[in-house]
Amino acid sequence: QVQLQESGPGLVKPSQTLSLTCTVSGGSITSNYNYWTWIRQPPGKGLEWIGYIAYSGSTHYTPSLKSRTYISRDTSKNQFTLQLSSVTPEDTAVYYCTRDSLALGLDYWGKGSLVTVSS
């Protein structure tokens, strides 16, 4: 059973960088054809896809956030990390790390981590 767990600060000041780490257990982040994805949900709004780091290490980001987003990984710890720079209150959301398997779609999710951007 694959499990994902987000960790990181719950409060970030405007203009700073939001950083969240997802720790994966029960499966390797280098296993073929899995895409380790970040998704967020602002209060009262729908889900927004942020980007992924693939099993190969390649990355892809949604165009609207691409200039501020960086996703990296630490294979020795089986973790992947989201960094979102120059945050504003509009970046306040519950952030989820997920696994996107080509065969089954978004099949595993973390519980989510609320990040509030406020001074």
C-alpha atoms as a PDB file:
ATOM      1  CA  GLN A   1       0.000   0.000   0.000  1.00  0.00           C
ATOM      2  CA  VAL A   2       1.483   3.317  -1.085  1.00  0.00           C
ATOM      3  CA  GLN A   3       1.187   6.140   1.422  1.00  0.00           C
ATOM      4  CA  LEU A   4       2.008   9.809   0.974  1.00  0.00           C
ATOM      5  CA  GLN A   5       2.448  12.396   3.707  1.00  0.00           C
ATOM      6  CA  GLU A   6       2.887  16.133   3.258  1.00  0.00           C
ATOM      7  CA  SER A   7       4.979  18.179   5.675  1.00  0.00           C
ATOM      8  CA  GLY A   8       5.967  21.811   5.906  1.00  0.00           C
ATOM      9  CA  PRO A   9       5.036  25.162   7.441  1.00  0.00           C
ATOM     10  CA  GLY A  10       1.364  25.996   7.728  1.00  0.00           C
ATOM     11  CA  LEU A  11       1.969  29.745   7.548  1.00  0.00           C
ATOM     12  CA  VAL A  12       4.065  31.628   5.006  1.00  0.00           C
ATOM     13  CA  LYS A  13       4.502  35.371   4.674  1.00  0.00           C
ATOM     14  CA  PRO A  14       3.731  37.139   1.390  1.00  0.00           C
ATOM     15  CA  SER A  15       6.681  37.299  -1.047  1.00  0.00           C
ATOM     16  CA  GLN A  16       8.366  34.329   0.634  1.00  0.00           C
ATOM     17  CA  THR A  17       8.777  30.811  -0.734  1.00  0.00           C
ATOM     18  CA  LEU A  18       6.368  28.047   0.186  1.00  0.00           C
ATOM     19  CA  SER A  19       8.094  24.700   0.623  1.00  0.00           C
ATOM     20  CA  LEU A  20       6.352  21.366   1.151  1.00  0.00           C
ATOM     21  CA  THR A  21       7.820  17.883   1.215  1.00  0.00           C
ATOM     22  CA  CYS A  22       5.986  14.668   0.433  1.00  0.00           C
ATOM     23  CA  THR A  23       7.328  11.489   1.988  1.00  0.00           C
ATOM     24  CA  VAL A  24       6.358   8.328   0.136  1.00  0.00           C
ATOM     25  CA  SER A  25       6.226   4.879   1.701  1.00  0.00           C
ATOM     26  CA  GLY A  26       5.238   1.517   0.262  1.00  0.00           C
ATOM     27  CA  GLY A  27       6.672   2.294  -3.162  1.00  0.00           C
ATOM     28  CA  SER A  28       9.654   3.939  -4.814  1.00  0.00           C
ATOM     29  CA  ILE A  29       9.405   7.332  -6.491  1.00  0.00           C
ATOM     30  CA  THR A  30      11.682   5.965  -9.221  1.00  0.00           C
ATOM     31  CA  SER A  31       9.310   3.140 -10.147  1.00  0.00           C
ATOM     32  CA  ASN A  32       8.443   3.240 -13.826  1.00  0.00           C
ATOM     33  CA  TYR A  33       5.564   5.257 -15.191  1.00  0.00           C
ATOM     34  CA  ASN A  34       4.575   7.026 -11.985  1.00  0.00           C
ATOM     35  CA  TYR A  35       4.265  10.795 -11.830  1.00  0.00           C
ATOM     36  CA  TRP A  36       4.514  12.394  -8.416  1.00  0.00           C
ATOM     37  CA  THR A  37       2.160  15.309  -8.515  1.00  0.00           C
ATOM     38  CA  TRP A  38       1.223  18.360  -6.499  1.00  0.00           C
ATOM     39  CA  ILE A  39      -2.372  19.608  -6.510  1.00  0.00           C
ATOM     40  CA  ARG A  40      -3.946  22.369  -4.457  1.00  0.00           C
ATOM     41  CA  GLN A  41      -7.422  23.500  -3.485  1.00  0.00           C
ATOM     42  CA  PRO A  42      -7.980  27.105  -2.416  1.00  0.00           C
ATOM     43  CA  PRO A  43     -10.792  27.695   0.088  1.00  0.00           C
ATOM     44  CA  GLY A  44     -14.152  27.440  -1.616  1.00  0.00           C
ATOM     45  CA  LYS A  45     -12.620  26.597  -4.999  1.00  0.00           C
ATOM     46  CA  GLY A  46     -11.856  23.543  -7.069  1.00  0.00           C
ATOM     47  CA  LEU A  47      -8.714  21.490  -7.415  1.00  0.00           C
ATOM     48  CA  GLU A  48      -5.782  23.018  -9.286  1.00  0.00           C
ATOM     49  CA  TRP A  49      -3.030  20.876 -10.780  1.00  0.00           C
ATOM     50  CA  ILE A  50       0.404  22.377 -10.043  1.00  0.00           C
ATOM     51  CA  GLY A  51       2.933  19.997 -11.574  1.00  0.00           C
ATOM     52  CA  TYR A  52       4.804  16.746 -11.295  1.00  0.00           C
ATOM     53  CA  ILE A  53       8.183  15.120 -11.111  1.00  0.00           C
ATOM     54  CA  ALA A  54       8.261  11.891 -13.061  1.00  0.00           C
ATOM     55  CA  TYR A  55       9.868   8.558 -12.200  1.00  0.00           C
ATOM     56  CA  SER A  56      12.673   9.616 -14.553  1.00  0.00           C
ATOM     57  CA  GLY A  57      13.235  12.924 -12.766  1.00  0.00           C
ATOM     58  CA  SER A  58      11.732  15.090 -15.460  1.00  0.00           C
ATOM     59  CA  THR A  59       9.313  17.801 -14.408  1.00  0.00           C
ATOM     60  CA  HIS A  60       6.278  19.553 -15.832  1.00  0.00           C
ATOM     61  CA  TYR A  61       4.375  22.525 -14.438  1.00  0.00           C
ATOM     62  CA  THR A  62       1.080  24.196 -15.152  1.00  0.00           C
ATOM     63  CA  PRO A  63       1.743  27.306 -17.285  1.00  0.00           C
ATOM     64  CA  SER A  64       0.088  29.753 -14.905  1.00  0.00           C
ATOM     65  CA  LEU A  65       2.464  28.808 -12.072  1.00  0.00           C
ATOM     66  CA  LYS A  66       5.500  27.709 -14.048  1.00  0.00           C
ATOM     67  CA  SER A  67       7.606  30.809 -13.388  1.00  0.00           C
ATOM     68  CA  ARG A  68       7.235  30.368  -9.612  1.00  0.00           C
ATOM     69  CA  THR A  69       7.276  26.572  -9.261  1.00  0.00           C
ATOM     70  CA  TYR A  70      10.072  24.109  -8.706  1.00  0.00           C
ATOM     71  CA  ILE A  71       9.602  20.423  -7.904  1.00  0.00           C
ATOM     72  CA  SER A  72      12.583  18.329  -6.886  1.00  0.00           C
ATOM     73  CA  ARG A  73      13.230  14.946  -5.307  1.00  0.00           C
ATOM     74  CA  ASP A  74      15.523  13.121  -2.921  1.00  0.00           C
ATOM     75  CA  THR A  75      15.589   9.503  -4.007  1.00  0.00           C
ATOM     76  CA  SER A  76      17.614   8.454  -0.957  1.00  0.00           C
ATOM     77  CA  LYS A  77      14.740   9.574   1.268  1.00  0.00           C
ATOM     78  CA  ASN A  78      11.962   8.700  -1.189  1.00  0.00           C
ATOM     79  CA  GLN A  79      10.676  12.262  -0.989  1.00  0.00           C
ATOM     80  CA  PHE A  80       9.697  14.967  -3.426  1.00  0.00           C
ATOM     81  CA  THR A  81       9.406  18.651  -2.688  1.00  0.00           C
ATOM     82  CA  LEU A  82       7.352  21.586  -3.937  1.00  0.00           C
ATOM     83  CA  GLN A  83       8.727  25.111  -3.859  1.00  0.00           C
ATOM     84  CA  LEU A  84       6.456  28.003  -4.833  1.00  0.00           C
ATOM     85  CA  SER A  85       8.127  31.398  -4.776  1.00  0.00           C
ATOM     86  CA  SER A  86       6.801  34.931  -4.349  1.00  0.00           C
ATOM     87  CA  VAL A  87       3.607  33.752  -2.717  1.00  0.00           C
ATOM     88  CA  THR A  88       0.545  35.950  -2.215  1.00  0.00           C
ATOM     89  CA  PRO A  89      -2.641  35.356  -0.193  1.00  0.00           C
ATOM     90  CA  GLU A  90      -4.118  33.846  -3.384  1.00  0.00           C
ATOM     91  CA  ASP A  91      -1.748  30.909  -2.870  1.00  0.00           C
ATOM     92  CA  THR A  92      -3.527  29.998   0.355  1.00  0.00           C
ATOM     93  CA  ALA A  93      -4.814  26.460  -0.153  1.00  0.00           C
ATOM     94  CA  VAL A  94      -4.769  22.870   0.946  1.00  0.00           C
ATOM     95  CA  TYR A  95      -1.831  21.309  -0.875  1.00  0.00           C
ATOM     96  CA  TYR A  96      -1.934  17.615  -1.766  1.00  0.00           C
ATOM     97  CA  CYS A  97       0.802  15.327  -2.985  1.00  0.00           C
ATOM     98  CA  THR A  98      -0.441  12.495  -5.156  1.00  0.00           C
ATOM     99  CA  ARG A  99       0.679   9.675  -7.365  1.00  0.00           C
ATOM    100  CA  ASP A 100      -0.463   9.662 -10.967  1.00  0.00           C
ATOM    101  CA  SER A 101      -0.028   6.229 -12.453  1.00  0.00           C
ATOM    102  CA  LEU A 102      -0.619   6.046 -16.185  1.00  0.00           C
ATOM    103  CA  ALA A 103      -2.819   3.015 -15.747  1.00  0.00           C
ATOM    104  CA  LEU A 104      -4.994   4.206 -12.880  1.00  0.00           C
ATOM    105  CA  GLY A 105      -4.733   7.990 -12.790  1.00  0.00           C
ATOM    106  CA  LEU A 106      -4.434   9.766  -9.449  1.00  0.00           C
ATOM    107  CA  ASP A 107      -4.569   6.645  -7.336  1.00  0.00           C
ATOM    108  CA  TYR A 108      -2.901   7.676  -4.085  1.00  0.00           C
ATOM    109  CA  TRP A 109      -3.216  10.964  -2.197  1.00  0.00           C
ATOM    110  CA  GLY A 110      -1.745  12.486   0.903  1.00  0.00           C
ATOM    111  CA  LYS A 111      -4.139  13.869   3.502  1.00  0.00           C
ATOM    112  CA  GLY A 112      -3.380  17.418   2.466  1.00  0.00           C
ATOM    113  CA  SER A 113      -1.584  20.290   4.155  1.00  0.00           C
ATOM    114  CA  LEU A 114      -3.184  23.689   4.666  1.00  0.00           C
ATOM    115  CA  VAL A 115      -0.820  26.530   3.852  1.00  0.00           C
ATOM    116  CA  THR A 116      -1.941  30.043   4.681  1.00  0.00           C
ATOM    117  CA  VAL A 117      -0.179  33.039   3.173  1.00  0.00           C
ATOM    118  CA  SER A 118      -0.495  35.961   5.534  1.00  0.00           C
ATOM    119  CA  SER A 119       1.620  38.587   7.204  1.00  0.00           C
END
